[in-house]
PDB file of N, CA and C in Angstrom:
ATOM      1  N   TRP A   1       5.895 -14.926   7.141  1.00  0.00           N
ATOM      2  CA  TRP A   1       5.474 -13.512   6.564  1.00  0.00           C
ATOM      3  C   TRP A   1       6.488 -12.607   6.785  1.00  0.00           C
ATOM      4  N   GLY A   2       7.129 -12.516   7.886  1.00  0.00           N
ATOM      5  CA  GLY A   2       8.408 -11.730   8.233  1.00  0.00           C
ATOM      6  C   GLY A   2       8.054 -10.329   8.578  1.00  0.00           C
ATOM      7  N   SER A   3       9.076  -9.617   8.827  1.00  0.00           N
ATOM      8  CA  SER A   3       9.021  -8.165   9.159  1.00  0.00           C
ATOM      9  C   SER A   3       8.666  -7.291   8.109  1.00  0.00           C
ATOM     10  N   TYR A   4       7.936  -6.406   8.302  1.00  0.00           N
ATOM     11  CA  TYR A   4       7.566  -5.367   7.261  1.00  0.00           C
ATOM     12  C   TYR A   4       8.722  -4.577   6.992  1.00  0.00           C
ATOM     13  N   PHE A   5       9.540  -4.209   7.826  1.00  0.00           N
ATOM     14  CA  PHE A   5      10.658  -3.410   7.729  1.00  0.00           C
ATOM     15  C   PHE A   5      11.803  -4.142   6.899  1.00  0.00           C
ATOM     16  N   ASN A   6      11.977  -5.476   7.046  1.00  0.00           N
ATOM     17  CA  ASN A   6      12.832  -6.365   6.197  1.00  0.00           C
ATOM     18  C   ASN A   6      12.311  -6.328   4.869  1.00  0.00           C
ATOM     19  N   TYR A   7      10.949  -6.482   4.752  1.00  0.00           N
ATOM     20  CA  TYR A   7      10.492  -6.529   3.396  1.00  0.00           C
ATOM     21  C   TYR A   7      10.810  -5.300   2.557  1.00  0.00           C
ATOM     22  N   LEU A   8      10.609  -4.158   3.191  1.00  0.00           N
ATOM     23  CA  LEU A   8      10.763  -2.864   2.491  1.00  0.00           C
ATOM     24  C   LEU A   8      12.302  -2.503   2.268  1.00  0.00           C
ATOM     25  N   SER A   9      13.141  -3.030   3.191  1.00  0.00           N
ATOM     26  CA  SER A   9      14.652  -2.834   3.065  1.00  0.00           C
ATOM     27  C   SER A   9      15.124  -3.829   1.872  1.00  0.00           C
ATOM     28  N   GLU A  10      14.469  -4.839   1.838  1.00  0.00           N
ATOM     29  CA  GLU A  10      14.801  -5.747   0.649  1.00  0.00           C
ATOM     30  C   GLU A  10      14.623  -5.185  -0.733  1.00  0.00           C
ATOM     31  N   TRP A  11      13.300  -4.677  -0.842  1.00  0.00           N
ATOM     32  CA  TRP A  11      12.809  -3.942  -2.115  1.00  0.00           C
ATOM     33  C   TRP A  11      13.580  -2.692  -2.400  1.00  0.00           C
ATOM     34  N   ASN A  12      14.058  -2.010  -1.400  1.00  0.00           N
ATOM     35  CA  ASN A  12      14.852  -0.784  -1.505  1.00  0.00           C
ATOM     36  C   ASN A  12      15.979  -0.960  -2.432  1.00  0.00           C
ATOM     37  N   LYS A  13      16.724  -2.384  -2.418  1.00  0.00           N
ATOM     38  CA  LYS A  13      17.664  -2.523  -3.333  1.00  0.00           C
ATOM     39  C   LYS A  13      17.422  -2.444  -4.681  1.00  0.00           C
ATOM     40  N   TYR A  14      15.965  -2.413  -5.015  1.00  0.00           N
ATOM     41  CA  TYR A  14      15.643  -2.475  -6.524  1.00  0.00           C
ATOM     42  C   TYR A  14      14.955  -1.136  -6.892  1.00  0.00           C
ATOM     43  N   ILE A  15      14.949  -0.191  -5.963  1.00  0.00           N
ATOM     44  CA  ILE A  15      14.334   1.067  -6.187  1.00  0.00           C
ATOM     45  C   ILE A  15      14.615   1.820  -7.588  1.00  0.00           C
ATOM     46  N   ASP A  16      15.859   1.791  -8.072  1.00  0.00           N
ATOM     47  CA  ASP A  16      16.254   2.332  -9.140  1.00  0.00           C
ATOM     48  C   ASP A  16      16.306   1.519 -10.388  1.00  0.00           C
ATOM     49  N   ASN A  17      15.762   0.241 -10.273  1.00  0.00           N
ATOM     50  CA  ASN A  17      15.551  -0.644 -11.404  1.00  0.00           C
ATOM     51  C   ASN A  17      14.467  -0.129 -12.185  1.00  0.00           C
ATOM     52  N   GLU A  18      14.580  -0.025 -13.545  1.00  0.00           N
ATOM     53  CA  GLU A  18      13.719   0.511 -14.382  1.00  0.00           C
ATOM     54  C   GLU A  18      12.278  -0.487 -14.563  1.00  0.00           C
ATOM     55  N   ASN A  19      12.402  -1.595 -14.166  1.00  0.00           N
ATOM     56  CA  ASN A  19      11.245  -2.603 -14.252  1.00  0.00           C
ATOM     57  C   ASN A  19      10.544  -2.693 -12.758  1.00  0.00           C
ATOM     58  N   VAL A  20      10.890  -1.783 -11.956  1.00  0.00           N
ATOM     59  CA  VAL A  20      10.280  -1.782 -10.523  1.00  0.00           C
ATOM     60  C   VAL A  20       9.638  -0.338 -10.470  1.00  0.00           C
ATOM     61  N   MET A  21       8.434  -0.323 -10.011  1.00  0.00           N
ATOM     62  CA  MET A  21       7.809   1.039  -9.664  1.00  0.00           C
ATOM     63  C   MET A  21       7.121   0.991  -8.303  1.00  0.00           C
ATOM     64  N   PRO A  22       7.938   1.418  -7.342  1.00  0.00           N
ATOM     65  CA  PRO A  22       7.415   1.517  -5.918  1.00  0.00           C
ATOM     66  C   PRO A  22       6.264   2.584  -5.811  1.00  0.00           C
ATOM     67  N   ILE A  23       5.151   2.265  -5.327  1.00  0.00           N
ATOM     68  CA  ILE A  23       4.098   3.291  -5.167  1.00  0.00           C
ATOM     69  C   ILE A  23       3.367   3.098  -3.835  1.00  0.00           C
ATOM     70  N   GLY A  24       3.005   4.109  -3.202  1.00  0.00           N
ATOM     71  CA  GLY A  24       2.239   4.180  -1.959  1.00  0.00           C
ATOM     72  C   GLY A  24       0.705   4.018  -2.347  1.00  0.00           C
ATOM     73  N   PHE A  25      -0.076   3.743  -1.403  1.00  0.00           N
ATOM     74  CA  PHE A  25      -1.411   3.505  -1.719  1.00  0.00           C
ATOM     75  C   PHE A  25      -2.132   4.799  -2.282  1.00  0.00           C
ATOM     76  N   GLU A  26      -1.556   6.100  -1.964  1.00  0.00           N
ATOM     77  CA  GLU A  26      -2.172   7.180  -2.458  1.00  0.00           C
ATOM     78  C   GLU A  26      -1.940   7.277  -3.911  1.00  0.00           C
ATOM     79  N   ASP A  27      -0.797   6.652  -4.435  1.00  0.00           N
ATOM     80  CA  ASP A  27      -0.504   6.783  -5.791  1.00  0.00           C
ATOM     81  C   ASP A  27      -1.226   5.827  -6.759  1.00  0.00           C
ATOM     82  N   VAL A  28      -1.872   4.905  -6.156  1.00  0.00           N
ATOM     83  CA  VAL A  28      -2.586   3.939  -7.020  1.00  0.00           C
ATOM     84  C   VAL A  28      -3.548   4.379  -7.937  1.00  0.00           C
ATOM     85  N   LYS A  29      -4.423   5.362  -7.591  1.00  0.00           N
ATOM     86  CA  LYS A  29      -5.400   5.986  -8.637  1.00  0.00           C
ATOM     87  C   LYS A  29      -4.786   6.523  -9.656  1.00  0.00           C
ATOM     88  N   GLU A  30      -3.793   7.307  -9.312  1.00  0.00           N
ATOM     89  CA  GLU A  30      -2.934   8.188 -10.377  1.00  0.00           C
ATOM     90  C   GLU A  30      -2.292   7.296 -11.386  1.00  0.00           C
ATOM     91  N   VAL A  31      -1.644   6.139 -10.885  1.00  0.00           N
ATOM     92  CA  VAL A  31      -1.036   5.150 -11.750  1.00  0.00           C
ATOM     93  C   VAL A  31      -2.099   4.538 -12.652  1.00  0.00           C
ATOM     94  N   SER A  32      -3.188   4.247 -11.978  1.00  0.00           N
ATOM     95  CA  SER A  32      -4.140   3.552 -12.843  1.00  0.00           C
ATOM     96  C   SER A  32      -4.662   4.340 -13.985  1.00  0.00           C
ATOM     97  N   LEU A  33      -4.867   5.735 -13.720  1.00  0.00           N
ATOM     98  CA  LEU A  33      -5.280   6.709 -14.732  1.00  0.00           C
ATOM     99  C   LEU A  33      -4.167   6.832 -15.805  1.00  0.00           C
ATOM    100  N   ALA A  34      -2.995   6.834 -15.539  1.00  0.00           N
ATOM    101  CA  ALA A  34      -1.955   6.867 -16.457  1.00  0.00           C
ATOM    102  C   ALA A  34      -1.844   5.483 -17.329  1.00  0.00           C
ATOM    103  N   LEU A  35      -2.098   4.493 -16.728  1.00  0.00           N
ATOM    104  CA  LEU A  35      -2.225   3.202 -17.515  1.00  0.00           C
ATOM    105  C   LEU A  35      -3.146   3.270 -18.494  1.00  0.00           C
ATOM    106  N   PHE A  36      -4.522   3.801 -18.129  1.00  0.00           N
ATOM    107  CA  PHE A  36      -5.590   3.814 -19.159  1.00  0.00           C
ATOM    108  C   PHE A  36      -4.979   4.760 -20.358  1.00  0.00           C
ATOM    109  N   GLN A  37      -4.193   5.746 -20.162  1.00  0.00           N
ATOM    110  CA  GLN A  37      -3.839   6.494 -21.226  1.00  0.00           C
ATOM    111  C   GLN A  37      -2.803   5.892 -22.169  1.00  0.00           C
ATOM    112  N   MET A  38      -2.037   4.923 -21.567  1.00  0.00           N
ATOM    113  CA  MET A  38      -0.957   4.249 -22.255  1.00  0.00           C
ATOM    114  C   MET A  38      -1.603   3.076 -23.184  1.00  0.00           C
ATOM    115  N   PHE A  39      -2.727   2.495 -22.865  1.00  0.00           N
ATOM    116  CA  PHE A  39      -3.255   1.517 -23.602  1.00  0.00           C
ATOM    117  C   PHE A  39      -4.724   1.811 -24.104  1.00  0.00           C
ATOM    118  N   PRO A  40      -4.981   1.681 -25.278  1.00  0.00           N
ATOM    119  CA  PRO A  40      -6.316   1.970 -25.846  1.00  0.00           C
ATOM    120  C   PRO A  40      -7.271   0.881 -25.320  1.00  0.00           C
ATOM    121  N   LEU A  41      -8.278   1.319 -24.574  1.00  0.00           N
ATOM    122  CA  LEU A  41      -9.303   0.455 -23.965  1.00  0.00           C
ATOM    123  C   LEU A  41     -10.666   1.051 -24.391  1.00  0.00           C
ATOM    124  N   ASN A  42     -11.540   0.011 -24.707  1.00  0.00           N
ATOM    125  CA  ASN A  42     -12.819   0.494 -24.912  1.00  0.00           C
ATOM    126  C   ASN A  42     -13.620   0.426 -23.505  1.00  0.00           C
ATOM    127  N   GLU A  43     -14.818   1.058 -23.510  1.00  0.00           N
ATOM    128  CA  GLU A  43     -15.684   1.291 -22.162  1.00  0.00           C
ATOM    129  C   GLU A  43     -15.660  -0.076 -21.332  1.00  0.00           C
ATOM    130  N   GLU A  44     -15.971  -1.191 -22.182  1.00  0.00           N
ATOM    131  CA  GLU A  44     -16.266  -2.469 -21.425  1.00  0.00           C
ATOM    132  C   GLU A  44     -15.122  -2.798 -20.811  1.00  0.00           C
ATOM    133  N   GLU A  45     -13.800  -2.669 -21.392  1.00  0.00           N
ATOM    134  CA  GLU A  45     -12.567  -3.097 -20.776  1.00  0.00           C
ATOM    135  C   GLU A  45     -12.235  -2.272 -19.729  1.00  0.00           C
ATOM    136  N   ILE A  46     -12.460  -0.974 -19.787  1.00  0.00           N
ATOM    137  CA  ILE A  46     -12.179  -0.060 -18.690  1.00  0.00           C
ATOM    138  C   ILE A  46     -13.112  -0.309 -17.405  1.00  0.00           C
ATOM    139  N   HIS A  47     -14.382  -0.709 -17.802  1.00  0.00           N
ATOM    140  CA  HIS A  47     -15.262  -1.034 -16.594  1.00  0.00           C
ATOM    141  C   HIS A  47     -14.824  -2.281 -15.960  1.00  0.00           C
ATOM    142  N   ALA A  48     -14.345  -3.370 -16.800  1.00  0.00           N
ATOM    143  CA  ALA A  48     -13.752  -4.532 -16.122  1.00  0.00           C
ATOM    144  C   ALA A  48     -12.547  -4.263 -15.358  1.00  0.00           C
ATOM    145  N   VAL A  49     -11.614  -3.428 -15.727  1.00  0.00           N
ATOM    146  CA  VAL A  49     -10.550  -3.186 -15.018  1.00  0.00           C
ATOM    147  C   VAL A  49     -10.829  -2.290 -13.673  1.00  0.00           C
ATOM    148  N   VAL A  50     -11.668  -1.507 -13.762  1.00  0.00           N
ATOM    149  CA  VAL A  50     -12.158  -0.746 -12.561  1.00  0.00           C
ATOM    150  C   VAL A  50     -12.804  -1.681 -11.469  1.00  0.00           C
ATOM    151  N   GLN A  51     -13.736  -2.504 -12.017  1.00  0.00           N
ATOM    152  CA  GLN A  51     -14.491  -3.573 -11.165  1.00  0.00           C
ATOM    153  C   GLN A  51     -13.383  -4.482 -10.537  1.00  0.00           C
ATOM    154  N   ARG A  52     -12.468  -5.082 -11.244  1.00  0.00           N
ATOM    155  CA  ARG A  52     -11.521  -6.021 -10.683  1.00  0.00           C
ATOM    156  C   ARG A  52     -10.470  -5.395  -9.638  1.00  0.00           C
ATOM    157  N   SER A  53     -10.212  -4.199  -9.822  1.00  0.00           N
ATOM    158  CA  SER A  53      -9.260  -3.409  -9.076  1.00  0.00           C
ATOM    159  C   SER A  53      -9.876  -2.603  -7.952  1.00  0.00           C
ATOM    160  N   SER A  54     -11.147  -2.719  -7.763  1.00  0.00           N
ATOM    161  CA  SER A  54     -11.791  -2.057  -6.619  1.00  0.00           C
ATOM    162  C   SER A  54     -11.414  -2.581  -5.278  1.00  0.00           C
ATOM    163  N   PHE A  55     -11.589  -1.876  -4.168  1.00  0.00           N
ATOM    164  CA  PHE A  55     -11.255  -2.518  -2.937  1.00  0.00           C
ATOM    165  C   PHE A  55     -12.156  -3.609  -2.670  1.00  0.00           C
ATOM    166  N   GLN A  56     -13.441  -3.325  -2.953  1.00  0.00           N
ATOM    167  CA  GLN A  56     -14.497  -4.474  -2.750  1.00  0.00           C
ATOM    168  C   GLN A  56     -14.254  -5.709  -3.462  1.00  0.00           C
ATOM    169  N   SER A  57     -13.945  -5.566  -4.610  1.00  0.00           N
ATOM    170  CA  SER A  57     -13.507  -6.917  -5.423  1.00  0.00           C
ATOM    171  C   SER A  57     -12.114  -7.612  -4.762  1.00  0.00           C
ATOM    172  N   MET A  58     -11.215  -6.745  -4.508  1.00  0.00           N
ATOM    173  CA  MET A  58     -10.064  -7.378  -3.872  1.00  0.00           C
ATOM    174  C   MET A  58     -10.263  -8.027  -2.613  1.00  0.00           C
ATOM    175  N   LYS A  59     -11.231  -7.305  -1.765  1.00  0.00           N
ATOM    176  CA  LYS A  59     -11.507  -7.905  -0.496  1.00  0.00           C
ATOM    177  C   LYS A  59     -12.312  -9.180  -0.705  1.00  0.00           C
ATOM    178  N   LYS A  60     -13.220  -9.240  -1.521  1.00  0.00           N
ATOM    179  CA  LYS A  60     -14.020 -10.303  -1.820  1.00  0.00           C
ATOM    180  C   LYS A  60     -13.262 -11.626  -2.260  1.00  0.00           C
ATOM    181  N   ASN A  61     -12.115 -11.303  -3.121  1.00  0.00           N
ATOM    182  CA  ASN A  61     -11.271 -12.499  -3.495  1.00  0.00           C
ATOM    183  C   ASN A  61     -10.064 -12.658  -2.737  1.00  0.00           C
ATOM    184  N   SER A  62      -9.999 -11.958  -1.630  1.00  0.00           N
ATOM    185  CA  SER A  62      -8.582 -11.958  -0.940  1.00  0.00           C
ATOM    186  C   SER A  62      -8.340 -13.330  -0.452  1.00  0.00           C
ATOM    187  N   LYS A  63      -9.166 -14.269  -0.024  1.00  0.00           N
ATOM    188  CA  LYS A  63      -8.916 -15.459   0.368  1.00  0.00           C
ATOM    189  C   LYS A  63      -8.220 -16.324  -0.806  1.00  0.00           C
ATOM    190  N   GLU A  64      -8.731 -16.163  -1.927  1.00  0.00           N
ATOM    191  CA  GLU A  64      -8.170 -16.858  -3.084  1.00  0.00           C
ATOM    192  C   GLU A  64      -6.726 -16.289  -3.599  1.00  0.00           C
ATOM    193  N   THR A  65      -6.637 -14.954  -3.535  1.00  0.00           N
ATOM    194  CA  THR A  65      -5.435 -14.309  -3.847  1.00  0.00           C
ATOM    195  C   THR A  65      -4.242 -14.248  -2.805  1.00  0.00           C
ATOM    196  N   HIS A  66      -4.704 -14.264  -1.507  1.00  0.00           N
ATOM    197  CA  HIS A  66      -3.807 -14.175  -0.467  1.00  0.00           C
ATOM    198  C   HIS A  66      -4.020 -15.169   0.739  1.00  0.00           C
ATOM    199  N   GLY A  67      -4.822 -16.173   0.484  1.00  0.00           N
ATOM    200  CA  GLY A  67      -4.892 -17.256   1.425  1.00  0.00           C
ATOM    201  C   GLY A  67      -5.688 -16.713   2.755  1.00  0.00           C
ATOM    202  N   ALA A  68      -5.241 -17.523   3.860  1.00  0.00           N
ATOM    203  CA  ALA A  68      -6.025 -17.336   5.073  1.00  0.00           C
ATOM    204  C   ALA A  68      -5.955 -15.880   5.540  1.00  0.00           C
ATOM    205  N   PHE A  69      -4.798 -15.012   5.246  1.00  0.00           N
ATOM    206  CA  PHE A  69      -4.553 -13.728   5.740  1.00  0.00           C
ATOM    207  C   PHE A  69      -5.223 -12.726   4.999  1.00  0.00           C
ATOM    208  N   GLY A  70      -6.075 -13.109   3.947  1.00  0.00           N
ATOM    209  CA  GLY A  70      -6.650 -12.189   3.148  1.00  0.00           C
ATOM    210  C   GLY A  70      -7.573 -11.170   3.859  1.00  0.00           C
ATOM    211  N   ASP A  71      -8.404 -11.652   4.728  1.00  0.00           N
ATOM    212  CA  ASP A  71      -9.151 -10.808   5.519  1.00  0.00           C
ATOM    213  C   ASP A  71      -8.297  -9.875   6.397  1.00  0.00           C
ATOM    214  N   VAL A  72      -7.209 -10.225   6.804  1.00  0.00           N
ATOM    215  CA  VAL A  72      -6.547  -9.242   7.572  1.00  0.00           C
ATOM    216  C   VAL A  72      -5.763  -8.250   6.840  1.00  0.00           C
ATOM    217  N   LEU A  73      -5.254  -8.666   5.588  1.00  0.00           N
ATOM    218  CA  LEU A  73      -4.577  -7.689   4.628  1.00  0.00           C
ATOM    219  C   LEU A  73      -5.407  -6.708   4.019  1.00  0.00           C
ATOM    220  N   PHE A  74      -6.709  -6.922   3.835  1.00  0.00           N
ATOM    221  CA  PHE A  74      -7.626  -6.025   3.147  1.00  0.00           C
ATOM    222  C   PHE A  74      -8.523  -5.490   4.233  1.00  0.00           C
ATOM    223  N   HIS A  75      -8.166  -4.535   4.846  1.00  0.00           N
ATOM    224  CA  HIS A  75      -8.770  -3.785   5.832  1.00  0.00           C
ATOM    225  C   HIS A  75      -9.050  -2.223   5.411  1.00  0.00           C
ATOM    226  N   LYS A  76     -10.272  -1.935   5.105  1.00  0.00           N
ATOM    227  CA  LYS A  76     -10.525  -0.637   4.582  1.00  0.00           C
ATOM    228  C   LYS A  76     -10.708   0.370   5.753  1.00  0.00           C
ATOM    229  N   GLY A  77      -9.705   1.082   5.995  1.00  0.00           N
ATOM    230  CA  GLY A  77      -9.733   2.096   6.824  1.00  0.00           C
ATOM    231  C   GLY A  77      -9.867   3.360   6.166  1.00  0.00           C
ATOM    232  N   GLY A  78      -9.580   4.497   6.943  1.00  0.00           N
ATOM    233  CA  GLY A  78      -9.683   5.806   6.584  1.00  0.00           C
ATOM    234  C   GLY A  78      -8.696   6.715   7.210  1.00  0.00           C
ATOM    235  N   VAL A  79      -8.571   7.964   7.081  1.00  0.00           N
ATOM    236  CA  VAL A  79      -7.669   8.808   7.563  1.00  0.00           C
ATOM    237  C   VAL A  79      -7.879   8.756   9.126  1.00  0.00           C
ATOM    238  N   SER A  80      -6.780   8.678   9.812  1.00  0.00           N
ATOM    239  CA  SER A  80      -6.842   8.481  11.288  1.00  0.00           C
ATOM    240  C   SER A  80      -7.607   7.247  11.832  1.00  0.00           C
ATOM    241  N   ASP A  81      -8.012   6.317  10.942  1.00  0.00           N
ATOM    242  CA  ASP A  81      -8.535   5.002  11.301  1.00  0.00           C
ATOM    243  C   ASP A  81      -7.759   4.136  12.382  1.00  0.00           C
ATOM    244  N   TRP A  82      -6.530   4.414  12.428  1.00  0.00           N
ATOM    245  CA  TRP A  82      -5.441   3.618  13.346  1.00  0.00           C
ATOM    246  C   TRP A  82      -5.956   3.977  14.648  1.00  0.00           C
ATOM    247  N   ARG A  83      -6.762   5.027  15.028  1.00  0.00           N
ATOM    248  CA  ARG A  83      -7.270   5.306  16.602  1.00  0.00           C
ATOM    249  C   ARG A  83      -8.271   4.293  16.777  1.00  0.00           C
ATOM    250  N   ASN A  84      -8.898   3.629  15.860  1.00  0.00           N
ATOM    251  CA  ASN A  84     -10.029   2.537  16.217  1.00  0.00           C
ATOM    252  C   ASN A  84      -9.285   1.163  16.316  1.00  0.00           C
ATOM    253  N   LEU A  85      -7.956   1.040  16.090  1.00  0.00           N
ATOM    254  CA  LEU A  85      -7.273  -0.250  16.274  1.00  0.00           C
ATOM    255  C   LEU A  85      -6.143  -0.222  17.293  1.00  0.00           C
ATOM    256  N   PHE A  86      -5.513   0.937  17.383  1.00  0.00           N
ATOM    257  CA  PHE A  86      -4.474   1.083  18.304  1.00  0.00           C
ATOM    258  C   PHE A  86      -4.323   2.208  19.250  1.00  0.00           C
ATOM    259  N   ALA A  87      -3.845   2.103  20.318  1.00  0.00           N
ATOM    260  CA  ALA A  87      -3.574   3.097  21.228  1.00  0.00           C
ATOM    261  C   ALA A  87      -2.439   4.121  20.888  1.00  0.00           C
ATOM    262  N   GLU A  88      -2.483   5.449  21.284  1.00  0.00           N
ATOM    263  CA  GLU A  88      -1.605   6.426  20.890  1.00  0.00           C
ATOM    264  C   GLU A  88      -0.180   5.824  21.154  1.00  0.00           C
ATOM    265  N   LYS A  89       0.113   5.076  22.291  1.00  0.00           N
ATOM    266  CA  LYS A  89       1.543   4.458  22.638  1.00  0.00           C
ATOM    267  C   LYS A  89       1.881   3.666  21.284  1.00  0.00           C
ATOM    268  N   HIS A  90       1.076   2.792  20.982  1.00  0.00           N
ATOM    269  CA  HIS A  90       1.399   1.924  19.830  1.00  0.00           C
ATOM    270  C   HIS A  90       1.702   2.654  18.611  1.00  0.00           C
ATOM    271  N   ASN A  91       0.986   3.612  18.395  1.00  0.00           N
ATOM    272  CA  ASN A  91       1.310   4.403  17.164  1.00  0.00           C
ATOM    273  C   ASN A  91       2.713   5.090  17.247  1.00  0.00           C
ATOM    274  N   LEU A  92       3.092   5.675  18.406  1.00  0.00           N
ATOM    275  CA  LEU A  92       4.297   6.288  18.547  1.00  0.00           C
ATOM    276  C   LEU A  92       5.262   5.285  18.501  1.00  0.00           C
ATOM    277  N   GLU A  93       5.113   3.993  18.969  1.00  0.00           N
ATOM    278  CA  GLU A  93       6.143   3.062  18.894  1.00  0.00           C
ATOM    279  C   GLU A  93       6.350   2.596  17.507  1.00  0.00           C
ATOM    280  N   MET A  94       5.284   2.508  16.739  1.00  0.00           N
ATOM    281  CA  MET A  94       5.457   2.236  15.265  1.00  0.00           C
ATOM    282  C   MET A  94       6.256   3.337  14.538  1.00  0.00           C
ATOM    283  N   ASP A  95       5.891   4.607  14.821  1.00  0.00           N
ATOM    284  CA  ASP A  95       6.676   5.745  14.073  1.00  0.00           C
ATOM    285  C   ASP A  95       7.992   5.657  14.425  1.00  0.00           C
ATOM    286  N   LYS A  96       8.353   5.400  15.603  1.00  0.00           N
ATOM    287  CA  LYS A  96       9.844   5.290  16.105  1.00  0.00           C
ATOM    288  C   LYS A  96      10.621   4.057  15.234  1.00  0.00           C
ATOM    289  N   MET A  97       9.819   3.029  15.349  1.00  0.00           N
ATOM    290  CA  MET A  97      10.463   1.944  14.621  1.00  0.00           C
ATOM    291  C   MET A  97      10.675   2.142  13.188  1.00  0.00           C
ATOM    292  N   TYR A  98       9.664   2.750  12.494  1.00  0.00           N
ATOM    293  CA  TYR A  98       9.673   3.104  11.108  1.00  0.00           C
ATOM    294  C   TYR A  98      10.910   3.982  10.846  1.00  0.00           C
ATOM    295  N   LYS A  99      11.006   4.975  11.551  1.00  0.00           N
ATOM    296  CA  LYS A  99      12.153   6.023  11.307  1.00  0.00           C
ATOM    297  C   LYS A  99      13.417   5.198  11.533  1.00  0.00           C
ATOM    298  N   GLU A 100      13.615   4.404  12.661  1.00  0.00           N
ATOM    299  CA  GLU A 100      14.900   3.731  12.895  1.00  0.00           C
ATOM    300  C   GLU A 100      15.235   2.740  11.692  1.00  0.00           C
ATOM    301  N   HIS A 101      14.317   2.099  11.259  1.00  0.00           N
ATOM    302  CA  HIS A 101      14.523   0.955  10.222  1.00  0.00           C
ATOM    303  C   HIS A 101      14.526   1.604   8.711  1.00  0.00           C
ATOM    304  N   LEU A 102      13.691   2.400   8.423  1.00  0.00           N
ATOM    305  CA  LEU A 102      13.572   2.820   7.017  1.00  0.00           C
ATOM    306  C   LEU A 102      13.563   4.422   6.828  1.00  0.00           C
ATOM    307  N   GLY A 103      13.732   5.019   7.818  1.00  0.00           N
ATOM    308  CA  GLY A 103      13.832   6.675   7.459  1.00  0.00           C
ATOM    309  C   GLY A 103      14.946   6.989   6.838  1.00  0.00           C
ATOM    310  N   GLY A 104      16.088   6.333   6.700  1.00  0.00           N
ATOM    311  CA  GLY A 104      17.220   6.651   5.945  1.00  0.00           C
ATOM    312  C   GLY A 104      17.488   6.132   4.649  1.00  0.00           C
ATOM    313  N   ILE A 105      16.411   5.278   4.271  1.00  0.00           N
ATOM    314  CA  ILE A 105      16.574   4.621   2.925  1.00  0.00           C
ATOM    315  C   ILE A 105      15.599   5.440   1.917  1.00  0.00           C
ATOM    316  N   PRO A 106      15.739   5.195   0.622  1.00  0.00           N
ATOM    317  CA  PRO A 106      14.951   5.915  -0.320  1.00  0.00           C
ATOM    318  C   PRO A 106      13.562   5.397  -0.382  1.00  0.00           C
ATOM    319  N   LEU A 107      13.384   4.217  -0.271  1.00  0.00           N
ATOM    320  CA  LEU A 107      12.017   3.707  -0.362  1.00  0.00           C
ATOM    321  C   LEU A 107      11.180   4.239   0.935  1.00  0.00           C
ATOM    322  N   GLY A 108      11.870   4.224   2.012  1.00  0.00           N
ATOM    323  CA  GLY A 108      11.073   4.722   3.284  1.00  0.00           C
ATOM    324  C   GLY A 108      10.617   6.179   2.935  1.00  0.00           C
ATOM    325  N   LYS A 109      11.471   6.967   2.478  1.00  0.00           N
ATOM    326  CA  LYS A 109      11.208   8.425   2.259  1.00  0.00           C
ATOM    327  C   LYS A 109      10.093   8.476   1.156  1.00  0.00           C
ATOM    328  N   ARG A 110      10.267   7.514   0.122  1.00  0.00           N
ATOM    329  CA  ARG A 110       9.188   7.705  -0.980  1.00  0.00           C
ATOM    330  C   ARG A 110       7.847   7.245  -0.477  1.00  0.00           C
ATOM    331  N   LEU A 111       7.726   6.445   0.430  1.00  0.00           N
ATOM    332  CA  LEU A 111       6.414   6.006   0.841  1.00  0.00           C
ATOM    333  C   LEU A 111       5.903   7.063   1.894  1.00  0.00           C
ATOM    334  N   LYS A 112       6.599   7.743   2.423  1.00  0.00           N
ATOM    335  CA  LYS A 112       6.200   8.980   3.302  1.00  0.00           C
ATOM    336  C   LYS A 112       5.317   8.332   4.506  1.00  0.00           C
ATOM    337  N   TYR A 113       5.757   7.227   5.112  1.00  0.00           N
ATOM    338  CA  TYR A 113       4.977   6.654   6.068  1.00  0.00           C
ATOM    339  C   TYR A 113       4.900   7.281   7.332  1.00  0.00           C
ATOM    340  N   ASN A 114       3.703   7.550   7.803  1.00  0.00           N
ATOM    341  CA  ASN A 114       3.540   8.162   9.060  1.00  0.00           C
ATOM    342  C   ASN A 114       2.166   7.684   9.602  1.00  0.00           C
ATOM    343  N   VAL A 115       2.116   6.739  10.617  1.00  0.00           N
ATOM    344  CA  VAL A 115       1.029   6.156  11.060  1.00  0.00           C
ATOM    345  C   VAL A 115       0.248   7.118  11.722  1.00  0.00           C
ATOM    346  N   CYS A 116       0.965   8.069  12.650  1.00  0.00           N
ATOM    347  CA  CYS A 116       0.186   9.005  13.378  1.00  0.00           C
ATOM    348  C   CYS A 116      -0.184  10.166  12.631  1.00  0.00           C
ATOM    349  N   CYS A 117      -1.508  10.453  12.917  1.00  0.00           N
ATOM    350  CA  CYS A 117      -1.941  11.789  12.219  1.00  0.00           C
ATOM    351  C   CYS A 117      -2.262  12.661  13.311  1.00  0.00           C
ATOM    352  N   LYS A 118      -1.660  13.622  13.469  1.00  0.00           N
ATOM    353  CA  LYS A 118      -1.969  14.671  14.673  1.00  0.00           C
ATOM    354  C   LYS A 118      -3.116  15.572  14.526  1.00  0.00           C
ATOM    355  N   ALA A 119      -4.146  15.054  14.020  1.00  0.00           N
ATOM    356  CA  ALA A 119      -5.346  15.797  13.663  1.00  0.00           C
ATOM    357  C   ALA A 119      -6.159  15.817  14.938  1.00  0.00           C
TER     358      ALA A 119
END
């Protein structure tokens, strides 16, 4: 599976490609709404798309779509949920690594990654 930082660094090479659209999690619903405006869909088709793209549906099908790691990849957290999984020191270490590896590249800035929520 490799390094998350290497993965993003590799995709950063394509950030200006017109066929690539990097989006963060927060952008997904906005993009979905825009797609609905681009394609004429009836109510049944819209309902099917919403159902299939819901978190619950993706989690349910995760073993088929992502293999053995599906359960790990689809974790429904919330704002500041990292506190239930990591200690503050781990969060600070991740923030530091992110800034070192991705802070200076466009994709890193676009995703506005910040594990630590100082709330």
